[in-house]
Protein backbone atom coordinates (compact mmCIF):
# COMPACT_ATOMS: atom_id res chain seq x y z
CA MET A 1 5.99 0.93 23.74
CA ASN A 2 8.88 1.85 21.47
CA ILE A 3 8.42 0.73 17.84
CA VAL A 4 11.25 1.63 15.46
CA PHE A 5 10.28 2.33 11.84
CA TYR A 6 13.32 1.24 9.89
CA ARG A 7 14.66 3.88 7.50
CA PRO A 8 11.25 5.41 6.75
CA PHE A 9 12.68 8.16 4.54
CA SER A 10 13.86 5.70 1.88
CA ASP A 11 10.44 5.12 0.29
CA ILE A 12 6.91 6.55 0.07
CA TRP A 13 5.08 4.30 2.54
CA PHE A 14 4.78 6.64 5.52
CA LYS A 15 5.53 10.14 4.23
CA ASN A 16 6.86 11.71 1.06
CA PRO A 17 10.60 11.26 0.46
CA THR A 18 12.61 14.45 0.65
CA ARG A 19 13.36 14.53 -3.09
CA ARG A 20 9.63 14.35 -3.86
CA ILE A 21 8.84 17.20 -1.49
CA LEU A 22 11.56 19.41 -2.94
CA SER A 23 10.32 18.71 -6.49
CA ARG A 24 6.72 19.36 -5.35
CA GLN A 25 5.54 15.89 -6.29
CA LYS A 26 2.65 14.29 -4.43
CA LEU A 27 2.63 10.55 -3.97
CA PRO A 28 0.25 8.29 -2.01
CA ASN A 29 1.59 7.38 1.43
CA LYS A 30 -0.46 4.26 2.19
CA TYR A 31 0.66 3.83 5.77
CA SER A 32 0.93 7.41 6.99
CA GLY A 33 -2.13 6.84 9.20
CA LEU A 34 -0.41 4.05 11.12
CA PHE A 35 2.75 6.11 11.54
CA ASP A 36 0.80 9.17 12.69
CA TYR A 37 -1.26 7.17 15.19
CA LEU A 38 1.80 5.56 16.79
CA SER A 39 3.64 8.90 16.75
CA GLU A 40 0.81 10.69 18.54
CA ASN A 41 0.75 7.91 21.13
CA GLY A 42 4.49 8.25 21.74
CA SER A 43 5.18 4.76 20.42
CA ALA A 44 7.15 5.58 17.25
CA SER A 45 10.87 5.88 16.62
CA ILE A 46 12.59 6.39 13.26
CA SER A 47 15.99 5.04 12.30
CA THR A 48 18.88 5.31 9.90
CA ALA A 49 20.24 2.21 8.13
CA LEU A 50 21.90 1.45 11.53
CA TRP A 51 24.88 -0.44 10.04
CA PHE A 52 27.64 1.28 8.09
CA ARG A 53 31.05 0.59 6.63
CA PRO A 54 34.01 0.57 9.02
CA GLY A 55 36.31 3.56 9.33
CA ILE A 56 35.94 7.12 8.12
CA LEU A 57 33.72 6.13 5.19
CA GLY A 58 31.27 4.59 7.59
CA LEU A 59 31.20 7.77 9.66
CA VAL A 60 30.42 9.74 6.51
CA ASP A 61 27.61 7.31 5.66
CA LEU A 62 26.20 7.62 9.18
CA LEU A 63 26.28 11.41 8.97
CA LYS A 64 24.57 11.45 5.57
CA ASP A 65 21.89 8.99 6.66
CA SER A 66 21.30 10.92 9.88
CA LEU A 67 20.91 14.21 8.02
CA ARG A 68 18.49 12.57 5.58
CA LEU A 69 16.45 11.22 8.47
CA ILE A 70 16.25 14.58 10.24
CA LEU A 71 15.50 16.52 7.03
CA TRP A 72 12.75 14.05 6.11
CA ALA A 73 11.19 14.46 9.53
CA LEU A 74 11.34 18.25 9.43
CA LEU A 75 9.97 18.57 5.88
CA ASN A 76 7.10 16.24 6.76
CA ARG A 77 6.43 18.24 9.94
CA ILE A 78 6.95 15.28 12.26
CA ASN A 79 6.95 16.25 15.91
CA LEU A 80 10.43 15.29 17.11
CA PHE A 81 9.32 15.76 20.71
CA LYS A 82 7.07 12.73 20.26
CA VAL A 83 9.22 10.64 17.90
CA ARG A 84 12.61 9.24 18.91
CA LEU A 85 15.59 9.21 16.55
CA ILE A 86 17.59 5.98 16.31
CA PHE A 87 21.00 6.35 14.69
CA THR A 88 22.90 3.14 15.60
CA SER A 89 22.22 -0.55 16.09
CA LYS A 90 23.19 -0.18 19.73
CA GLN A 91 20.15 2.04 20.28
CA LEU A 92 17.94 -0.54 18.60
CA HIS A 93 18.59 -3.03 21.41
CA LYS A 94 16.66 -0.74 23.76
CA ALA A 95 13.51 -0.74 21.60
CA ASP A 96 10.54 -3.08 21.94
CA ALA A 97 10.00 -3.72 18.22
CA VAL A 98 11.29 -2.89 14.76
CA PHE A 99 8.84 -2.33 11.90
CA LEU A 100 10.06 -3.09 8.38
CA MET A 101 8.45 -2.96 4.94
CA HIS A 102 9.02 -6.20 3.07
CA TYR A 103 9.35 -4.37 -0.26
CA GLY A 104 12.47 -2.27 -0.01
CA CYS A 105 14.00 -4.20 2.88
CA PHE A 106 13.77 -7.86 1.85
CA THR A 107 12.46 -7.86 -1.70
CA HIS A 108 12.27 -5.56 -4.69
CA GLU A 109 11.37 -5.44 -8.38
CA SER A 110 15.14 -5.52 -8.99
CA THR A 111 16.72 -8.89 -8.20
CA ALA A 112 19.99 -7.21 -7.23
CA VAL A 113 18.26 -4.99 -4.68
CA ALA A 114 16.26 -7.94 -3.33
CA GLU A 115 19.47 -9.90 -2.81
CA GLN A 116 20.84 -7.09 -0.64
CA GLY A 117 18.07 -7.80 1.87
CA ARG A 118 19.92 -10.91 3.02
CA LEU A 119 22.53 -8.89 4.89
CA LEU A 120 19.89 -6.85 6.74
CA ALA A 121 18.05 -10.05 7.63
CA GLN A 122 21.24 -11.58 9.00
CA ARG A 123 22.01 -8.50 11.10
CA LEU A 124 18.53 -8.30 12.61
CA SER A 125 18.04 -12.02 13.17
CA GLY A 126 19.98 -11.99 16.42
CA PHE A 127 17.96 -9.16 18.00
CA SER A 128 15.60 -10.18 20.78
CA ILE A 129 13.09 -7.39 20.06
CA LEU A 130 9.84 -8.01 18.14
CA LYS A 131 10.47 -8.07 14.42
CA ILE A 132 7.39 -6.94 12.47
CA VAL A 133 7.30 -7.12 8.68
CA HIS A 134 4.57 -5.55 6.56
CA MET A 135 4.13 -7.77 3.50
CA THR A 136 3.40 -5.03 1.00
CA HIS A 137 4.30 -6.07 -2.57
CA PHE A 138 5.26 -9.55 -1.39
CA ALA A 139 4.73 -10.93 -4.92
CA TYR A 140 7.90 -9.25 -6.22
CA ASN A 141 10.79 -11.74 -6.34
CA PRO A 142 8.98 -14.08 -3.94
CA ARG A 143 11.69 -16.72 -3.74
CA LEU A 144 14.37 -14.24 -2.72
CA GLY A 145 12.00 -12.40 -0.42
CA SER A 146 10.94 -15.54 1.40
CA GLU A 147 14.54 -16.70 1.79
CA ASN A 148 15.44 -13.38 3.38
CA LEU A 149 12.48 -13.61 5.76
CA ARG A 150 13.44 -17.12 6.81
CA ILE A 151 16.86 -15.75 7.75
CA LEU A 152 15.27 -12.85 9.63
CA SER A 153 12.84 -15.12 11.50
CA PRO A 154 10.16 -12.44 12.06
CA ASP A 155 7.77 -12.55 14.99
CA LEU A 156 4.84 -11.02 13.12
CA LEU A 157 3.81 -10.61 9.49
CA ILE A 158 1.02 -8.19 8.63
CA ALA A 159 -1.00 -7.22 5.55
CA GLU A 160 -4.46 -6.04 4.50
CA ASN A 161 -5.48 -9.68 4.09
CA ASP A 162 -4.63 -12.69 6.22
CA LEU A 163 -2.40 -14.09 3.50
CA LYS A 164 -1.45 -17.16 5.50
CA ARG A 165 -5.08 -18.20 5.56
CA ASN A 166 -6.40 -16.76 2.30
CA SER A 167 -3.63 -16.65 -0.31
CA PRO A 168 -2.44 -19.76 -2.20
CA PHE A 169 0.41 -17.76 -3.76
CA PHE A 170 1.64 -16.63 -0.35
CA ASN A 171 1.51 -20.13 1.07
CA LYS A 172 3.43 -21.59 -1.84
CA TYR A 173 6.39 -19.26 -1.38
CA PHE A 174 6.14 -18.04 2.23
CA GLY A 175 4.57 -21.01 3.96
CA ASN A 176 7.78 -21.85 5.83
CA VAL A 177 8.42 -18.33 7.12
CA SER A 178 8.19 -18.08 10.91
CA GLY A 179 5.94 -15.77 12.86
CA ASP A 180 2.26 -15.14 13.37
CA PHE A 181 0.16 -13.42 10.73
CA GLN A 182 -2.13 -10.53 11.56
CA LEU A 183 -4.66 -8.73 9.42
CA LEU A 184 -4.22 -4.94 9.48
CA PRO A 185 -6.89 -3.21 7.35
CA TYR A 186 -6.36 -0.05 5.36
CA VAL A 187 -7.68 3.12 6.97
CA ALA A 188 -8.93 6.21 5.16
CA ALA A 189 -7.17 9.50 5.92
CA PRO A 190 -9.31 12.20 7.61
CA ARG A 191 -9.75 14.16 4.37
CA PHE A 192 -11.91 11.41 2.86
CA GLN A 193 -15.39 12.65 3.73
CA ARG A 194 -18.85 12.64 2.15
CA LYS A 195 -19.42 16.05 0.55
CA VAL A 196 -21.95 15.48 -2.26
CA ASP A 197 -25.47 14.13 -1.96
CA PHE A 198 -25.76 10.60 -3.33
CA ARG A 199 -28.47 11.43 -5.87
CA ALA A 200 -26.44 14.33 -7.27
CA ARG A 201 -23.59 12.03 -8.33
CA SER A 202 -22.85 10.32 -11.65
CA ASN A 203 -24.68 7.03 -12.15
CA LYS A 204 -21.60 5.38 -13.68
CA LEU A 205 -18.90 3.28 -12.02
CA GLY A 206 -15.83 5.39 -11.31
CA VAL A 207 -12.76 3.16 -11.55
CA THR A 208 -9.36 4.19 -10.26
CA GLY A 209 -5.97 2.71 -9.39
CA SER A 210 -2.55 2.49 -11.00
CA ILE A 211 -1.30 -0.36 -13.16
CA THR A 212 2.13 -1.17 -11.82
CA TYR A 213 5.12 -2.42 -13.76
CA LYS A 214 5.08 -5.83 -15.42
CA MET A 215 6.06 -8.60 -13.03
CA LYS A 216 9.49 -10.02 -13.87
CA ALA A 217 9.82 -12.91 -11.42
CA PRO A 218 9.38 -16.30 -13.14
CA GLU A 219 7.58 -17.59 -10.03
CA PHE A 220 4.77 -15.09 -10.60
CA PHE A 221 4.28 -16.07 -14.25
CA ASP A 222 4.49 -19.78 -13.44
CA PHE A 223 1.74 -19.40 -10.84
CA TYR A 224 -0.66 -17.03 -12.63
CA GLY A 225 0.20 -17.57 -16.29
CA HIS A 226 0.67 -13.84 -16.95
CA ASN A 227 2.73 -10.89 -15.70
CA GLU A 228 -0.01 -8.44 -14.66
CA LEU A 229 -0.34 -7.60 -10.96
CA GLN A 230 -3.73 -5.90 -11.53
CA PRO A 231 -5.23 -7.64 -14.58
CA MET A 232 -8.74 -6.21 -14.14
CA ARG A 233 -7.36 -2.68 -14.14
CA ARG A 234 -5.58 -3.51 -17.40
CA LYS A 235 -8.81 -4.82 -18.98
CA ILE A 236 -10.81 -1.73 -18.05
CA TYR A 237 -8.00 0.62 -19.08
CA GLY A 238 -7.73 -1.04 -22.48
CA ARG A 239 -11.49 -0.96 -23.15
CA GLN A 240 -12.45 2.29 -21.44
CA ASN A 241 -13.90 3.87 -24.58
CA GLU A 242 -16.28 1.04 -25.37
CA LEU A 243 -17.33 0.79 -21.71
CA SER A 244 -18.21 4.49 -21.45
CA ASN A 245 -21.93 3.86 -20.83
CA PHE A 246 -21.09 2.06 -17.62
CA VAL A 247 -17.58 3.11 -16.56
CA ASP A 248 -15.50 6.26 -16.16
CA SER A 249 -11.86 5.20 -15.97
CA PHE A 250 -9.29 7.12 -13.95
CA ILE A 251 -6.60 4.44 -14.16
CA TYR A 252 -2.95 5.33 -14.63
CA ASP A 253 -0.56 2.95 -16.41
CA LEU A 254 2.82 3.22 -14.74
CA ASP A 255 4.27 0.56 -17.03
CA GLU A 256 3.27 2.47 -20.15
CA SER A 257 4.76 5.66 -18.73
CA ARG A 258 8.02 3.87 -17.99
CA ARG A 259 8.23 2.47 -21.53
CA VAL A 260 7.62 5.91 -23.06
CA GLN A 261 10.34 7.49 -20.94
CA GLU A 262 12.81 4.68 -21.72
CA VAL A 263 12.19 5.00 -25.47
CA CYS A 264 12.45 8.78 -25.35
CA GLY A 265 15.65 8.55 -23.37
CA SER A 266 17.31 6.23 -25.88
CA GLU A 267 16.07 7.61 -29.21
CA ALA A 268 15.93 10.92 -31.07
CA LYS A 269 14.77 14.18 -29.53
CA GLY A 270 11.64 14.02 -31.64
CA HIS A 271 10.20 11.84 -28.91
CA ASP A 272 10.58 14.53 -26.26
CA SER A 273 6.92 15.50 -26.61
CA SER A 274 5.85 11.90 -25.87
CA GLU A 275 7.96 11.84 -22.73
CA ALA A 276 6.55 15.19 -21.66
CA ARG A 277 2.99 13.88 -22.10
CA ALA A 278 3.82 10.81 -20.02
CA LEU A 279 5.20 12.99 -17.23
CA VAL A 280 2.17 15.28 -17.36
CA GLN A 281 -0.15 12.27 -17.14
CA GLN A 282 1.75 10.97 -14.13
CA ARG A 283 1.64 14.36 -12.42
CA ASN A 284 -2.07 14.76 -13.16
CA TYR A 285 -2.86 11.34 -11.70
CA TYR A 286 -1.00 11.88 -8.43
CA ASN A 287 -2.08 15.51 -8.05
CA ALA A 288 -5.76 14.86 -8.75
CA ASP A 289 -8.27 15.55 -6.01
CA ILE A 290 -9.20 11.95 -5.28
CA VAL A 291 -11.71 13.04 -2.64
CA GLU A 292 -13.57 14.97 -5.32
CA PHE A 293 -13.38 11.94 -7.61
CA PHE A 294 -15.06 9.64 -5.08
CA ASN A 295 -17.69 12.28 -4.32
CA SER A 296 -18.51 12.44 -8.03
CA TYR A 297 -19.81 8.86 -8.30
CA ARG A 298 -22.52 6.77 -6.72
CA MET A 299 -20.41 3.64 -7.22
CA PHE A 300 -16.74 2.92 -7.71
CA ALA A 301 -14.16 0.17 -8.04
CA VAL A 302 -10.45 -0.15 -7.46
CA PRO A 303 -9.68 -3.63 -8.83
CA GLU A 304 -7.61 -5.77 -6.48
CA GLU A 305 -4.13 -7.21 -6.96
CA VAL A 306 -4.24 -10.74 -8.29
CA CYS A 307 -2.13 -11.91 -5.34
CA ASP A 308 -5.02 -11.40 -2.88
CA LEU A 309 -4.53 -7.81 -1.74
CA PRO A 310 -7.00 -4.90 -2.01
CA GLY A 311 -6.20 -1.38 -3.13
CA ILE A 312 -6.23 1.32 -0.45
CA SER A 313 -8.83 3.32 -2.35
CA PHE A 314 -11.60 0.88 -1.53
CA ILE A 315 -11.82 2.28 2.01
CA GLU A 316 -11.27 5.85 0.81
CA GLY A 317 -14.18 5.73 -1.61
CA MET A 318 -16.47 4.15 1.00
CA ALA A 319 -15.52 6.90 3.43
CA CYS A 320 -16.70 9.41 0.80
CA GLY A 321 -20.12 7.76 0.59
CA ALA A 322 -19.78 5.85 -2.69
CA ALA A 323 -20.78 2.17 -3.05
CA TYR A 324 -17.79 -0.11 -3.54
CA PHE A 325 -17.70 -2.91 -6.15
CA GLY A 326 -15.20 -5.63 -5.26
CA LEU A 327 -14.58 -9.37 -5.20
CA ASP A 328 -16.56 -11.74 -2.99
CA ASN A 329 -13.44 -12.58 -1.03
CA PRO A 330 -12.33 -13.28 2.57
CA MET A 331 -10.15 -10.16 2.46
CA TYR A 332 -13.37 -8.18 2.94
CA ARG A 333 -15.39 -10.62 5.00
CA ASP A 334 -12.60 -10.81 7.58
CA ILE A 335 -12.89 -7.08 8.29
CA GLY A 336 -16.68 -7.22 8.67
CA MET A 337 -17.75 -6.30 5.15
CA VAL A 338 -20.72 -8.38 3.98
CA PRO A 339 -21.47 -8.61 0.22
CA GLY A 340 -24.78 -6.98 -0.62
CA VAL A 341 -24.72 -5.06 2.66
CA HIS A 342 -21.50 -3.02 2.81
CA TYR A 343 -20.41 -3.43 -0.81
CA VAL A 344 -21.42 -4.96 -4.15
CA ALA A 345 -19.64 -8.24 -4.91
CA TYR A 346 -18.84 -9.65 -8.35
CA ASP A 347 -17.09 -12.82 -9.51
CA GLY A 348 -13.90 -11.24 -10.89
CA THR A 349 -14.90 -11.12 -14.55
CA LEU A 350 -15.46 -7.92 -16.45
CA GLU A 351 -18.75 -9.26 -17.79
CA HIS A 352 -20.16 -9.81 -14.31
CA LEU A 353 -18.89 -6.44 -13.12
CA LEU A 354 -20.75 -4.72 -15.97
CA GLU A 355 -23.90 -6.74 -15.17
CA ARG A 356 -23.73 -5.52 -11.57
CA VAL A 357 -23.25 -1.92 -12.71
CA ALA A 358 -26.17 -2.13 -15.14
CA TYR A 359 -28.42 -3.55 -12.42
CA TYR A 360 -27.62 -0.85 -9.87
CA GLN A 361 -27.93 1.91 -12.44
CA GLN A 362 -31.61 0.95 -12.44
CA HIS A 363 -31.92 0.36 -8.66
CA ALA A 364 -30.68 3.56 -7.04
CA ASP A 365 -32.46 2.92 -3.72
CA GLU A 366 -30.67 -0.40 -3.18
CA LEU A 367 -27.33 1.12 -4.21
CA GLU A 368 -27.75 4.08 -1.86
CA GLN A 369 -28.43 1.74 1.05
CA ILE A 370 -25.25 -0.22 0.33
CA ALA A 371 -23.28 3.02 0.03
CA GLU A 372 -24.62 4.15 3.42
CA GLN A 373 -23.69 0.86 5.11
CA GLY A 374 -20.20 1.06 3.59
CA TYR A 375 -19.87 4.66 4.74
CA GLN A 376 -20.81 3.68 8.29
CA ILE A 377 -18.30 0.82 8.55
CA ALA A 378 -15.53 2.98 7.06
CA HIS A 379 -16.01 5.56 9.83
CA THR A 380 -16.54 3.12 12.72
CA THR A 381 -15.11 -0.40 12.57
CA LEU A 382 -12.45 0.62 10.04
CA SER A 383 -11.59 4.02 11.50
CA SER A 384 -8.00 4.82 12.46
CA THR A 385 -8.78 4.83 16.17
CA SER A 386 -10.49 1.44 16.03
CA VAL A 387 -7.96 -0.31 13.77
CA TYR A 388 -4.72 1.10 15.15
CA SER A 389 -5.62 0.97 18.84
CA LYS A 390 -6.34 -2.76 18.46
CA PHE A 391 -3.08 -3.26 16.59
CA LEU A 392 -1.04 -1.46 19.24
CA ALA A 393 -2.77 -3.44 21.99
CA SER A 394 -1.95 -6.71 20.21
CA LEU A 395 1.73 -5.73 19.99
CA GLU A 396 1.83 -4.91 23.68
CA ARG A 397 0.42 -8.35 24.46
CA MET A 398 3.28 -9.90 22.47
CA LEU A 399 5.94 -8.27 24.63
CA PRO A 400 7.51 -10.44 27.33
CA ARG A 401 6.20 -9.61 30.76
CA PRO A 402 8.76 -8.23 33.26
């Protein structure tokens, strides 16, 4: 099977962008496991933007995009003997499927960038190959994003939760988008392993995750009544000092960092030290040894997005042998995680979360058993081989038979 990853070098989803590598910045690549699995199985291709301006300027654009694609692949040590390079739309016709990230292709934090997704949707709509869209960050500019998807007419939408079944926000804005919906769970990278004995770990709740930028779309505020994508992370971040008996917070506020840098960029040089501190904090967060972090705690949380999506770190922490604290929600039940067995469930309030933490601080045997069950499911049912082999098989079943 030939699955084309559309312009993978343009964002951080699969591997680090070239500019980040050259500046020695580490960023989380949430879907590198999927890309690596399909690459190793000979099913992955990578493409340029495919469509360019007419004439000599278009040839220059094609050359630049092609060089970026090749440099990205080489710097990320991608085996070009196993991965095909797709430079033009004509080559795309020979593929079986095209894989696109919703955020970056059809929506964006910026309304202007989101509007540009219409042209790509129009160009791809006439292709007879499978059109697969990963719904990451679907809550950004949902009206524009859904309009672009309706033009595209995708065959398959995927996410870490069956949003069509479990998300009221998704159904309000994307209910009329064509295509099936398939759950594709997060998978922990191989480096996430249990290295520290459970009893030797801190008896607090280690909390991690980034607080992303304030949501600007009026649809989001109208639906939720606020502009926070991860409100529980914000609550813990703001009260971390008073919660110190129960919680160790390793939460990074991207929005705060952005505000500091904007102020420092527009005001006097006396603010340079504030900007420098913000950049250091960002670098420390992304360069931290997250495997060591999860091995330092008996229990952990990575509060979910309010729009019904989990954070990738929930599976990473479980793979390191820590007990996960999360919502009692179908997003976990649908992948085989049972509350009280594989993880500790709470009702979404900070008060109940702290009650759960306090209880398990006094019941280490019960907590250790939950951590063990979570560890087992992370390395079996939710392993890369199990999850991605099933996904690839499902795609092959969708192809028309010769």
